[in-house]
PDB file of N, CA and C in Angstrom:
ATOM      1  N   MET A   1     -12.623 -11.775   0.233  1.00  0.00           N
ATOM      2  CA  MET A   1     -11.172 -11.256  -0.018  1.00  0.00           C
ATOM      3  C   MET A   1     -10.260 -12.354  -1.016  1.00  0.00           C
ATOM      4  N   MET A   2     -10.214 -13.444  -0.883  1.00  0.00           N
ATOM      5  CA  MET A   2      -9.703 -13.945  -1.750  1.00  0.00           C
ATOM      6  C   MET A   2      -9.235 -14.140  -3.205  1.00  0.00           C
ATOM      7  N   SER A   3     -10.535 -13.788  -3.761  1.00  0.00           N
ATOM      8  CA  SER A   3     -10.831 -13.239  -4.897  1.00  0.00           C
ATOM      9  C   SER A   3     -10.172 -11.847  -5.832  1.00  0.00           C
ATOM     10  N   ARG A   4     -10.292 -10.967  -4.424  1.00  0.00           N
ATOM     11  CA  ARG A   4      -9.859  -9.443  -4.461  1.00  0.00           C
ATOM     12  C   ARG A   4      -8.260  -9.776  -4.787  1.00  0.00           C
ATOM     13  N   ILE A   5      -7.411 -10.779  -3.883  1.00  0.00           N
ATOM     14  CA  ILE A   5      -5.856 -10.483  -3.713  1.00  0.00           C
ATOM     15  C   ILE A   5      -5.664 -10.939  -5.031  1.00  0.00           C
ATOM     16  N   LYS A   6      -6.341 -12.369  -5.754  1.00  0.00           N
ATOM     17  CA  LYS A   6      -5.954 -12.525  -7.175  1.00  0.00           C
ATOM     18  C   LYS A   6      -6.397 -11.679  -8.270  1.00  0.00           C
ATOM     19  N   GLU A   7      -7.716 -10.849  -8.072  1.00  0.00           N
ATOM     20  CA  GLU A   7      -7.736  -9.650  -9.087  1.00  0.00           C
ATOM     21  C   GLU A   7      -6.657  -8.902  -9.141  1.00  0.00           C
ATOM     22  N   LEU A   8      -6.507  -8.454  -8.205  1.00  0.00           N
ATOM     23  CA  LEU A   8      -5.373  -7.192  -7.777  1.00  0.00           C
ATOM     24  C   LEU A   8      -4.111  -7.813  -8.552  1.00  0.00           C
ATOM     25  N   ARG A   9      -3.461  -9.038  -8.236  1.00  0.00           N
ATOM     26  CA  ARG A   9      -2.476  -9.494  -8.699  1.00  0.00           C
ATOM     27  C   ARG A   9      -2.347  -9.636  -9.928  1.00  0.00           C
ATOM     28  N   LYS A  10      -3.710 -10.096 -10.499  1.00  0.00           N
ATOM     29  CA  LYS A  10      -3.554 -10.476 -12.130  1.00  0.00           C
ATOM     30  C   LYS A  10      -3.608  -8.913 -13.027  1.00  0.00           C
ATOM     31  N   ARG A  11      -4.301  -8.418 -12.039  1.00  0.00           N
ATOM     32  CA  ARG A  11      -4.384  -6.914 -12.483  1.00  0.00           C
ATOM     33  C   ARG A  11      -2.983  -6.006 -12.857  1.00  0.00           C
ATOM     34  N   ASN A  12      -2.080  -6.394 -12.089  1.00  0.00           N
ATOM     35  CA  ASN A  12      -0.747  -6.201 -11.877  1.00  0.00           C
ATOM     36  C   ASN A  12       0.280  -6.780 -12.587  1.00  0.00           C
ATOM     37  N   GLY A  13      -0.240  -8.012 -13.325  1.00  0.00           N
ATOM     38  CA  GLY A  13       0.026  -8.722 -14.099  1.00  0.00           C
ATOM     39  C   GLY A  13       1.413  -9.493 -13.392  1.00  0.00           C
ATOM     40  N   TRP A  14       1.040 -10.112 -12.178  1.00  0.00           N
ATOM     41  CA  TRP A  14       2.478 -10.636 -11.263  1.00  0.00           C
ATOM     42  C   TRP A  14       2.031 -12.068 -11.230  1.00  0.00           C
ATOM     43  N   THR A  15       2.957 -12.524 -10.889  1.00  0.00           N
ATOM     44  CA  THR A  15       2.415 -14.234 -10.636  1.00  0.00           C
ATOM     45  C   THR A  15       2.616 -14.777  -9.142  1.00  0.00           C
ATOM     46  N   GLN A  16       2.358 -15.681  -9.056  1.00  0.00           N
ATOM     47  CA  GLN A  16       2.014 -15.644  -7.293  1.00  0.00           C
ATOM     48  C   GLN A  16       3.124 -15.983  -6.605  1.00  0.00           C
ATOM     49  N   GLU A  17       4.075 -16.558  -7.184  1.00  0.00           N
ATOM     50  CA  GLU A  17       5.109 -16.494  -7.070  1.00  0.00           C
ATOM     51  C   GLU A  17       6.288 -14.790  -6.780  1.00  0.00           C
ATOM     52  N   TYR A  18       5.841 -14.309  -7.617  1.00  0.00           N
ATOM     53  CA  TYR A  18       6.244 -13.041  -7.557  1.00  0.00           C
ATOM     54  C   TYR A  18       5.603 -12.067  -6.351  1.00  0.00           C
ATOM     55  N   LEU A  19       4.335 -11.909  -6.208  1.00  0.00           N
ATOM     56  CA  LEU A  19       3.725 -11.373  -5.081  1.00  0.00           C
ATOM     57  C   LEU A  19       4.049 -12.201  -3.849  1.00  0.00           C
ATOM     58  N   GLY A  20       4.424 -13.653  -3.771  1.00  0.00           N
ATOM     59  CA  GLY A  20       5.030 -14.239  -2.709  1.00  0.00           C
ATOM     60  C   GLY A  20       6.324 -13.338  -2.326  1.00  0.00           C
ATOM     61  N   ASP A  21       7.072 -13.114  -3.417  1.00  0.00           N
ATOM     62  CA  ASP A  21       8.525 -12.472  -3.051  1.00  0.00           C
ATOM     63  C   ASP A  21       8.325 -11.019  -2.166  1.00  0.00           C
ATOM     64  N   LEU A  22       7.341 -10.249  -2.829  1.00  0.00           N
ATOM     65  CA  LEU A  22       7.198  -9.235  -2.388  1.00  0.00           C
ATOM     66  C   LEU A  22       6.769  -9.306  -1.169  1.00  0.00           C
ATOM     67  N   VAL A  23       5.796  -9.851  -0.364  1.00  0.00           N
ATOM     68  CA  VAL A  23       5.357  -9.954   0.719  1.00  0.00           C
ATOM     69  C   VAL A  23       5.693 -10.982   2.076  1.00  0.00           C
ATOM     70  N   HIS A  24       7.041 -11.662   1.173  1.00  0.00           N
ATOM     71  CA  HIS A  24       7.499 -12.926   2.251  1.00  0.00           C
ATOM     72  C   HIS A  24       7.038 -13.826   2.172  1.00  0.00           C
ATOM     73  N   VAL A  25       6.420 -14.684   1.364  1.00  0.00           N
ATOM     74  CA  VAL A  25       5.326 -15.801   1.691  1.00  0.00           C
ATOM     75  C   VAL A  25       6.121 -16.899   0.597  1.00  0.00           C
ATOM     76  N   GLN A  26       5.587 -17.822   0.588  1.00  0.00           N
ATOM     77  CA  GLN A  26       5.856 -18.863  -0.383  1.00  0.00           C
ATOM     78  C   GLN A  26       4.617 -18.701  -1.693  1.00  0.00           C
ATOM     79  N   LYS A  27       4.903 -19.372  -2.938  1.00  0.00           N
ATOM     80  CA  LYS A  27       3.936 -19.205  -3.853  1.00  0.00           C
ATOM     81  C   LYS A  27       2.833 -19.802  -3.464  1.00  0.00           C
ATOM     82  N   ALA A  28       3.156 -21.438  -2.512  1.00  0.00           N
ATOM     83  CA  ALA A  28       1.848 -22.172  -2.090  1.00  0.00           C
ATOM     84  C   ALA A  28       0.853 -21.193  -1.412  1.00  0.00           C
ATOM     85  N   THR A  29       1.528 -20.327  -0.106  1.00  0.00           N
ATOM     86  CA  THR A  29       0.762 -19.898   0.796  1.00  0.00           C
ATOM     87  C   THR A  29      -0.273 -18.773  -0.357  1.00  0.00           C
ATOM     88  N   ILE A  30       0.577 -17.989  -0.906  1.00  0.00           N
ATOM     89  CA  ILE A  30      -0.417 -16.948  -2.319  1.00  0.00           C
ATOM     90  C   ILE A  30      -1.551 -17.660  -2.870  1.00  0.00           C
ATOM     91  N   SER A  31      -1.467 -18.980  -3.433  1.00  0.00           N
ATOM     92  CA  SER A  31      -2.622 -19.554  -3.883  1.00  0.00           C
ATOM     93  C   SER A  31      -3.398 -20.437  -2.607  1.00  0.00           C
ATOM     94  N   LYS A  32      -2.854 -20.606  -1.723  1.00  0.00           N
ATOM     95  CA  LYS A  32      -4.088 -20.434  -0.614  1.00  0.00           C
ATOM     96  C   LYS A  32      -4.930 -19.421  -0.249  1.00  0.00           C
ATOM     97  N   TYR A  33      -4.334 -18.449  -0.139  1.00  0.00           N
ATOM     98  CA  TYR A  33      -5.043 -16.793   0.306  1.00  0.00           C
ATOM     99  C   TYR A  33      -6.039 -17.419  -0.819  1.00  0.00           C
ATOM    100  N   GLU A  34      -5.456 -17.307  -2.106  1.00  0.00           N
ATOM    101  CA  GLU A  34      -6.575 -17.067  -2.985  1.00  0.00           C
ATOM    102  C   GLU A  34      -7.421 -18.004  -2.900  1.00  0.00           C
ATOM    103  N   LYS A  35      -7.564 -18.834  -2.647  1.00  0.00           N
ATOM    104  CA  LYS A  35      -8.300 -20.477  -2.457  1.00  0.00           C
ATOM    105  C   LYS A  35      -9.299 -20.283  -1.425  1.00  0.00           C
ATOM    106  N   GLY A  36      -9.106 -19.177  -0.522  1.00  0.00           N
ATOM    107  CA  GLY A  36      -9.549 -19.182   0.717  1.00  0.00           C
ATOM    108  C   GLY A  36      -9.285 -20.029   1.806  1.00  0.00           C
ATOM    109  N   ILE A  37      -7.958 -21.140   1.515  1.00  0.00           N
ATOM    110  CA  ILE A  37      -7.637 -21.917   2.760  1.00  0.00           C
ATOM    111  C   ILE A  37      -7.399 -21.366   3.941  1.00  0.00           C
ATOM    112  N   VAL A  38      -6.409 -20.292   3.621  1.00  0.00           N
ATOM    113  CA  VAL A  38      -5.615 -19.526   4.719  1.00  0.00           C
ATOM    114  C   VAL A  38      -6.243 -18.105   4.629  1.00  0.00           C
ATOM    115  N   GLU A  39      -6.211 -17.598   5.798  1.00  0.00           N
ATOM    116  CA  GLU A  39      -5.904 -16.135   5.698  1.00  0.00           C
ATOM    117  C   GLU A  39      -4.612 -15.320   5.823  1.00  0.00           C
ATOM    118  N   PRO A  40      -4.266 -14.323   5.230  1.00  0.00           N
ATOM    119  CA  PRO A  40      -2.968 -14.007   5.293  1.00  0.00           C
ATOM    120  C   PRO A  40      -2.920 -13.066   6.790  1.00  0.00           C
ATOM    121  N   SER A  41      -1.844 -13.018   7.383  1.00  0.00           N
ATOM    122  CA  SER A  41      -1.545 -12.706   8.375  1.00  0.00           C
ATOM    123  C   SER A  41      -1.922 -10.576   8.396  1.00  0.00           C
ATOM    124  N   THR A  42      -1.783 -10.516   9.661  1.00  0.00           N
ATOM    125  CA  THR A  42      -1.694  -8.813   9.875  1.00  0.00           C
ATOM    126  C   THR A  42      -1.346  -8.248   8.965  1.00  0.00           C
ATOM    127  N   ASP A  43       0.311  -8.921   9.207  1.00  0.00           N
ATOM    128  CA  ASP A  43       1.502  -7.924   8.470  1.00  0.00           C
ATOM    129  C   ASP A  43       1.162  -8.167   6.716  1.00  0.00           C
ATOM    130  N   VAL A  44       0.864  -9.513   6.404  1.00  0.00           N
ATOM    131  CA  VAL A  44       0.827  -9.504   4.976  1.00  0.00           C
ATOM    132  C   VAL A  44      -0.200  -8.668   4.610  1.00  0.00           C
ATOM    133  N   LEU A  45      -1.628  -8.224   5.043  1.00  0.00           N
ATOM    134  CA  LEU A  45      -2.565  -7.767   4.756  1.00  0.00           C
ATOM    135  C   LEU A  45      -2.173  -6.359   4.598  1.00  0.00           C
ATOM    136  N   LYS A  46      -1.007  -6.078   5.605  1.00  0.00           N
ATOM    137  CA  LYS A  46      -0.782  -4.691   5.313  1.00  0.00           C
ATOM    138  C   LYS A  46       0.353  -4.245   4.279  1.00  0.00           C
ATOM    139  N   LYS A  47       0.997  -5.289   3.916  1.00  0.00           N
ATOM    140  CA  LYS A  47       2.182  -4.981   2.790  1.00  0.00           C
ATOM    141  C   LYS A  47       1.359  -5.416   1.610  1.00  0.00           C
ATOM    142  N   MET A  48      -0.016  -6.282   1.837  1.00  0.00           N
ATOM    143  CA  MET A  48      -0.483  -6.217   0.293  1.00  0.00           C
ATOM    144  C   MET A  48      -1.205  -4.908  -0.030  1.00  0.00           C
ATOM    145  N   SER A  49      -1.928  -4.091   1.120  1.00  0.00           N
ATOM    146  CA  SER A  49      -2.427  -3.326   1.072  1.00  0.00           C
ATOM    147  C   SER A  49      -1.678  -2.102   0.150  1.00  0.00           C
ATOM    148  N   ALA A  50      -0.406  -2.067   0.877  1.00  0.00           N
ATOM    149  CA  ALA A  50       0.551  -1.006   0.608  1.00  0.00           C
ATOM    150  C   ALA A  50       0.805  -1.397  -1.321  1.00  0.00           C
ATOM    151  N   LEU A  51       1.018  -2.638  -1.491  1.00  0.00           N
ATOM    152  CA  LEU A  51       1.558  -2.878  -2.956  1.00  0.00           C
ATOM    153  C   LEU A  51       0.144  -2.760  -3.726  1.00  0.00           C
ATOM    154  N   PHE A  52      -0.733  -2.904  -3.345  1.00  0.00           N
ATOM    155  CA  PHE A  52      -2.110  -2.902  -4.485  1.00  0.00           C
ATOM    156  C   PHE A  52      -2.551  -1.606  -4.483  1.00  0.00           C
ATOM    157  N   ASN A  53      -2.101  -0.709  -3.236  1.00  0.00           N
ATOM    158  CA  ASN A  53      -2.689   0.546  -3.278  1.00  0.00           C
ATOM    159  C   ASN A  53      -4.173   0.963  -2.757  1.00  0.00           C
ATOM    160  N   VAL A  54      -4.741  -0.052  -1.881  1.00  0.00           N
ATOM    161  CA  VAL A  54      -6.241  -0.282  -1.402  1.00  0.00           C
ATOM    162  C   VAL A  54      -5.979  -0.647  -0.036  1.00  0.00           C
ATOM    163  N   SER A  55      -7.090  -0.097   0.583  1.00  0.00           N
ATOM    164  CA  SER A  55      -6.977  -0.426   1.866  1.00  0.00           C
ATOM    165  C   SER A  55      -7.256  -1.797   2.355  1.00  0.00           C
ATOM    166  N   THR A  56      -6.951  -1.894   3.890  1.00  0.00           N
ATOM    167  CA  THR A  56      -7.043  -3.462   4.092  1.00  0.00           C
ATOM    168  C   THR A  56      -8.659  -3.891   4.388  1.00  0.00           C
ATOM    169  N   ASP A  57      -9.357  -3.072   4.432  1.00  0.00           N
ATOM    170  CA  ASP A  57     -10.870  -3.595   4.595  1.00  0.00           C
ATOM    171  C   ASP A  57     -11.425  -3.753   3.323  1.00  0.00           C
ATOM    172  N   TYR A  58     -10.475  -3.257   2.330  1.00  0.00           N
ATOM    173  CA  TYR A  58     -11.072  -4.132   0.487  1.00  0.00           C
ATOM    174  C   TYR A  58     -10.715  -5.124   0.683  1.00  0.00           C
ATOM    175  N   LEU A  59      -9.334  -5.384   0.989  1.00  0.00           N
ATOM    176  CA  LEU A  59      -8.521  -6.626   0.729  1.00  0.00           C
ATOM    177  C   LEU A  59      -9.640  -7.767   1.649  1.00  0.00           C
ATOM    178  N   LEU A  60     -10.331  -7.528   2.925  1.00  0.00           N
ATOM    179  CA  LEU A  60     -10.984  -8.558   3.854  1.00  0.00           C
ATOM    180  C   LEU A  60     -12.614  -8.246   2.995  1.00  0.00           C
ATOM    181  N   GLY A  61     -12.820  -7.368   2.327  1.00  0.00           N
ATOM    182  CA  GLY A  61     -14.048  -7.599   1.566  1.00  0.00           C
ATOM    183  C   GLY A  61     -15.401  -6.966   2.174  1.00  0.00           C
ATOM    184  N   SER A  62     -14.619  -5.826   3.417  1.00  0.00           N
ATOM    185  CA  SER A  62     -15.830  -5.437   4.216  1.00  0.00           C
ATOM    186  C   SER A  62     -15.747  -3.808   3.237  1.00  0.00           C
ATOM    187  N   ASP A  63     -15.233  -3.122   2.341  1.00  0.00           N
ATOM    188  CA  ASP A  63     -14.953  -1.924   1.680  1.00  0.00           C
ATOM    189  C   ASP A  63     -15.182  -2.600   0.108  1.00  0.00           C
ATOM    190  N   ASN A  64     -16.061  -1.845  -0.596  1.00  0.00           N
ATOM    191  CA  ASN A  64     -15.917  -2.085  -1.940  1.00  0.00           C
ATOM    192  C   ASN A  64     -15.429  -0.911  -2.874  1.00  0.00           C
ATOM    193  N   VAL A  65     -14.757   0.203  -2.161  1.00  0.00           N
ATOM    194  CA  VAL A  65     -13.718   0.788  -3.225  1.00  0.00           C
ATOM    195  C   VAL A  65     -12.890  -0.049  -3.561  1.00  0.00           C
ATOM    196  N   PRO A  66     -12.356   0.159  -4.434  1.00  0.00           N
ATOM    197  CA  PRO A  66     -11.357  -0.821  -5.170  1.00  0.00           C
ATOM    198  C   PRO A  66      -9.697  -0.409  -5.022  1.00  0.00           C
ATOM    199  N   ILE A  67      -9.780   0.769  -5.038  1.00  0.00           N
ATOM    200  CA  ILE A  67      -8.458   1.322  -5.451  1.00  0.00           C
ATOM    201  C   ILE A  67      -8.533   2.940  -4.789  1.00  0.00           C
ATOM    202  N   GLU A  68      -7.449   3.133  -4.038  1.00  0.00           N
ATOM    203  CA  GLU A  68      -7.292   4.404  -3.363  1.00  0.00           C
ATOM    204  C   GLU A  68      -6.918   5.431  -4.577  1.00  0.00           C
ATOM    205  N   THR A  69      -7.611   6.561  -4.269  1.00  0.00           N
ATOM    206  CA  THR A  69      -7.196   7.399  -5.521  1.00  0.00           C
ATOM    207  C   THR A  69      -5.732   8.238  -5.311  1.00  0.00           C
ATOM    208  N   ILE A  70      -5.221   7.945  -4.108  1.00  0.00           N
ATOM    209  CA  ILE A  70      -3.678   8.446  -3.875  1.00  0.00           C
ATOM    210  C   ILE A  70      -2.578   7.641  -4.392  1.00  0.00           C
ATOM    211  N   PRO A  71      -2.171   7.988  -5.329  1.00  0.00           N
ATOM    212  CA  PRO A  71      -0.870   7.433  -5.817  1.00  0.00           C
ATOM    213  C   PRO A  71       0.094   6.879  -4.965  1.00  0.00           C
ATOM    214  N   GLN A  72       0.878   5.915  -5.626  1.00  0.00           N
ATOM    215  CA  GLN A  72       1.719   5.272  -4.297  1.00  0.00           C
ATOM    216  C   GLN A  72       2.780   6.211  -4.063  1.00  0.00           C
ATOM    217  N   GLU A  73       3.462   6.752  -4.899  1.00  0.00           N
ATOM    218  CA  GLU A  73       4.394   8.060  -4.416  1.00  0.00           C
ATOM    219  C   GLU A  73       3.921   8.721  -3.237  1.00  0.00           C
ATOM    220  N   GLU A  74       2.855   9.059  -3.492  1.00  0.00           N
ATOM    221  CA  GLU A  74       2.111  10.024  -2.303  1.00  0.00           C
ATOM    222  C   GLU A  74       1.714   9.136  -1.070  1.00  0.00           C
ATOM    223  N   MET A  75       1.331   8.089  -0.940  1.00  0.00           N
ATOM    224  CA  MET A  75       1.333   7.012   0.265  1.00  0.00           C
ATOM    225  C   MET A  75       2.403   6.779   0.637  1.00  0.00           C
ATOM    226  N   THR A  76       3.637   6.597  -0.289  1.00  0.00           N
ATOM    227  CA  THR A  76       4.766   6.346   0.670  1.00  0.00           C
ATOM    228  C   THR A  76       5.349   7.555   1.343  1.00  0.00           C
ATOM    229  N   LEU A  77       5.072   8.996   1.041  1.00  0.00           N
ATOM    230  CA  LEU A  77       5.492  10.032   1.416  1.00  0.00           C
ATOM    231  C   LEU A  77       4.450  10.249   2.570  1.00  0.00           C
ATOM    232  N   LEU A  78       3.260   9.584   2.633  1.00  0.00           N
ATOM    233  CA  LEU A  78       2.269   9.963   3.720  1.00  0.00           C
ATOM    234  C   LEU A  78       2.972   8.965   4.981  1.00  0.00           C
ATOM    235  N   GLU A  79       3.055   7.482   4.617  1.00  0.00           N
ATOM    236  CA  GLU A  79       3.892   6.706   5.324  1.00  0.00           C
ATOM    237  C   GLU A  79       5.095   7.232   6.209  1.00  0.00           C
ATOM    238  N   GLY A  80       5.869   7.567   5.502  1.00  0.00           N
ATOM    239  CA  GLY A  80       7.220   8.510   6.042  1.00  0.00           C
ATOM    240  C   GLY A  80       6.576   9.446   6.722  1.00  0.00           C
ATOM    241  N   PHE A  81       5.867  10.296   6.550  1.00  0.00           N
ATOM    242  CA  PHE A  81       5.417  11.320   7.308  1.00  0.00           C
ATOM    243  C   PHE A  81       4.868  10.966   8.635  1.00  0.00           C
ATOM    244  N   ARG A  82       3.978   9.935   8.641  1.00  0.00           N
ATOM    245  CA  ARG A  82       3.207   9.144   9.630  1.00  0.00           C
ATOM    246  C   ARG A  82       4.241   8.889  10.591  1.00  0.00           C
ATOM    247  N   SER A  83       5.417   8.469  10.374  1.00  0.00           N
ATOM    248  CA  SER A  83       6.577   7.652  10.877  1.00  0.00           C
ATOM    249  C   SER A  83       7.088   8.592  11.827  1.00  0.00           C
ATOM    250  N   LEU A  84       7.434   9.880  11.536  1.00  0.00           N
ATOM    251  CA  LEU A  84       8.327  10.717  12.326  1.00  0.00           C
ATOM    252  C   LEU A  84       7.645  11.228  13.576  1.00  0.00           C
ATOM    253  N   THR A  85       8.663  11.907  14.411  1.00  0.00           N
ATOM    254  CA  THR A  85       7.978  12.632  15.581  1.00  0.00           C
ATOM    255  C   THR A  85       7.387  13.640  15.428  1.00  0.00           C
ATOM    256  N   VAL A  86       7.106  14.266  16.180  1.00  0.00           N
ATOM    257  CA  VAL A  86       6.302  15.574  16.163  1.00  0.00           C
ATOM    258  C   VAL A  86       7.242  16.782  15.897  1.00  0.00           C
ATOM    259  N   GLU A  87       8.809  16.564  16.270  1.00  0.00           N
ATOM    260  CA  GLU A  87       9.778  17.680  15.876  1.00  0.00           C
ATOM    261  C   GLU A  87       9.694  17.529  14.122  1.00  0.00           C
ATOM    262  N   GLY A  88       9.877  16.157  13.695  1.00  0.00           N
ATOM    263  CA  GLY A  88      10.332  15.742  12.288  1.00  0.00           C
ATOM    264  C   GLY A  88       9.295  16.072  11.703  1.00  0.00           C
ATOM    265  N   LYS A  89       8.120  16.028  11.867  1.00  0.00           N
ATOM    266  CA  LYS A  89       6.768  16.953  11.100  1.00  0.00           C
ATOM    267  C   LYS A  89       6.831  17.805  10.924  1.00  0.00           C
ATOM    268  N   ASN A  90       7.123  18.368  12.174  1.00  0.00           N
ATOM    269  CA  ASN A  90       7.314  19.940  11.803  1.00  0.00           C
ATOM    270  C   ASN A  90       8.599  20.791  11.114  1.00  0.00           C
ATOM    271  N   ALA A  91       9.499  19.904  11.400  1.00  0.00           N
ATOM    272  CA  ALA A  91      10.576  20.196  10.495  1.00  0.00           C
ATOM    273  C   ALA A  91      10.513  19.768   8.756  1.00  0.00           C
ATOM    274  N   LEU A  92       9.397  19.096   8.392  1.00  0.00           N
ATOM    275  CA  LEU A  92       9.486  18.685   7.141  1.00  0.00           C
ATOM    276  C   LEU A  92       8.724  19.797   6.857  1.00  0.00           C
ATOM    277  N   LEU A  93       7.381  20.156   7.371  1.00  0.00           N
ATOM    278  CA  LEU A  93       6.647  21.097   6.839  1.00  0.00           C
ATOM    279  C   LEU A  93       7.053  22.219   6.788  1.00  0.00           C
ATOM    280  N   SER A  94       8.355  22.794   7.478  1.00  0.00           N
ATOM    281  CA  SER A  94       8.856  24.031   7.325  1.00  0.00           C
ATOM    282  C   SER A  94       9.618  23.889   6.014  1.00  0.00           C
ATOM    283  N   VAL A  95      10.438  22.829   5.727  1.00  0.00           N
ATOM    284  CA  VAL A  95      10.953  22.277   4.327  1.00  0.00           C
ATOM    285  C   VAL A  95       9.830  22.687   3.089  1.00  0.00           C
ATOM    286  N   LEU A  96       8.752  22.056   3.465  1.00  0.00           N
ATOM    287  CA  LEU A  96       7.671  21.764   2.042  1.00  0.00           C
ATOM    288  C   LEU A  96       7.533  23.501   2.136  1.00  0.00           C
ATOM    289  N   ASN A  97       6.907  23.884   3.182  1.00  0.00           N
ATOM    290  CA  ASN A  97       6.602  25.447   3.179  1.00  0.00           C
ATOM    291  C   ASN A  97       7.416  26.606   2.219  1.00  0.00           C
ATOM    292  N   ALA A  98       8.626  26.167   2.818  1.00  0.00           N
ATOM    293  CA  ALA A  98       9.893  26.884   2.474  1.00  0.00           C
ATOM    294  C   ALA A  98       9.970  26.585   0.588  1.00  0.00           C
ATOM    295  N   LEU A  99       9.712  25.318   0.119  1.00  0.00           N
ATOM    296  CA  LEU A  99       9.663  24.893  -1.149  1.00  0.00           C
ATOM    297  C   LEU A  99       8.352  25.274  -1.849  1.00  0.00           C
ATOM    298  N   ASN A 100       7.243  25.618  -1.567  1.00  0.00           N
ATOM    299  CA  ASN A 100       6.303  26.199  -1.887  1.00  0.00           C
ATOM    300  C   ASN A 100       6.499  27.496  -1.944  1.00  0.00           C
ATOM    301  N   SER A 101       6.926  28.171  -0.945  1.00  0.00           N
ATOM    302  CA  SER A 101       7.264  29.736  -1.424  1.00  0.00           C
ATOM    303  C   SER A 101       8.144  30.115  -2.732  1.00  0.00           C
ATOM    304  N   ALA A 102       9.008  28.992  -2.481  1.00  0.00           N
ATOM    305  CA  ALA A 102      10.198  29.596  -3.762  1.00  0.00           C
ATOM    306  C   ALA A 102       9.361  29.180  -5.047  1.00  0.00           C
ATOM    307  N   HIS A 103       8.971  28.151  -5.295  1.00  0.00           N
ATOM    308  CA  HIS A 103       8.172  28.010  -6.397  1.00  0.00           C
ATOM    309  C   HIS A 103       7.042  28.935  -6.526  1.00  0.00           C
ATOM    310  N   SER A 104       6.292  29.378  -5.786  1.00  0.00           N
ATOM    311  CA  SER A 104       5.178  30.450  -6.140  1.00  0.00           C
ATOM    312  C   SER A 104       6.438  31.922  -6.437  1.00  0.00           C
ATOM    313  N   ALA A 105       7.076  31.863  -6.167  1.00  0.00           N
ATOM    314  CA  ALA A 105       7.708  33.694  -6.277  1.00  0.00           C
ATOM    315  C   ALA A 105       8.571  33.340  -7.647  1.00  0.00           C
ATOM    316  N   THR A 106       8.952  32.145  -8.224  1.00  0.00           N
ATOM    317  CA  THR A 106       9.366  31.918  -9.311  1.00  0.00           C
ATOM    318  C   THR A 106       8.559  31.711 -10.524  1.00  0.00           C
ATOM    319  N   ALA A 107       7.005  31.273 -10.271  1.00  0.00           N
ATOM    320  CA  ALA A 107       5.988  30.939 -11.128  1.00  0.00           C
ATOM    321  C   ALA A 107       5.443  32.424 -11.732  1.00  0.00           C
TER     322      ALA A 107
END
């Protein structure tokens, strides 16, 4: 896992300090994650998963698929959708259907 955090951080061109700021931990803590001295909390794992657009399983080393195929923008929409009530989901789907119908009519 630790080498995966380092690999993903470097792939994004981020410093340990920058990643630490994003997940609200100290630079030294990121270093400890990468060296295998300390394991991230569940909350930090979830934040890193979203930032790197990978599964928590990938970060934990139990999944070898490095990158999700869903773009970050779509992941944000999915997370927002999942947080809605049933009524909110139905309302959003109605809006989406209306937008798709309007787009189809003009295409």
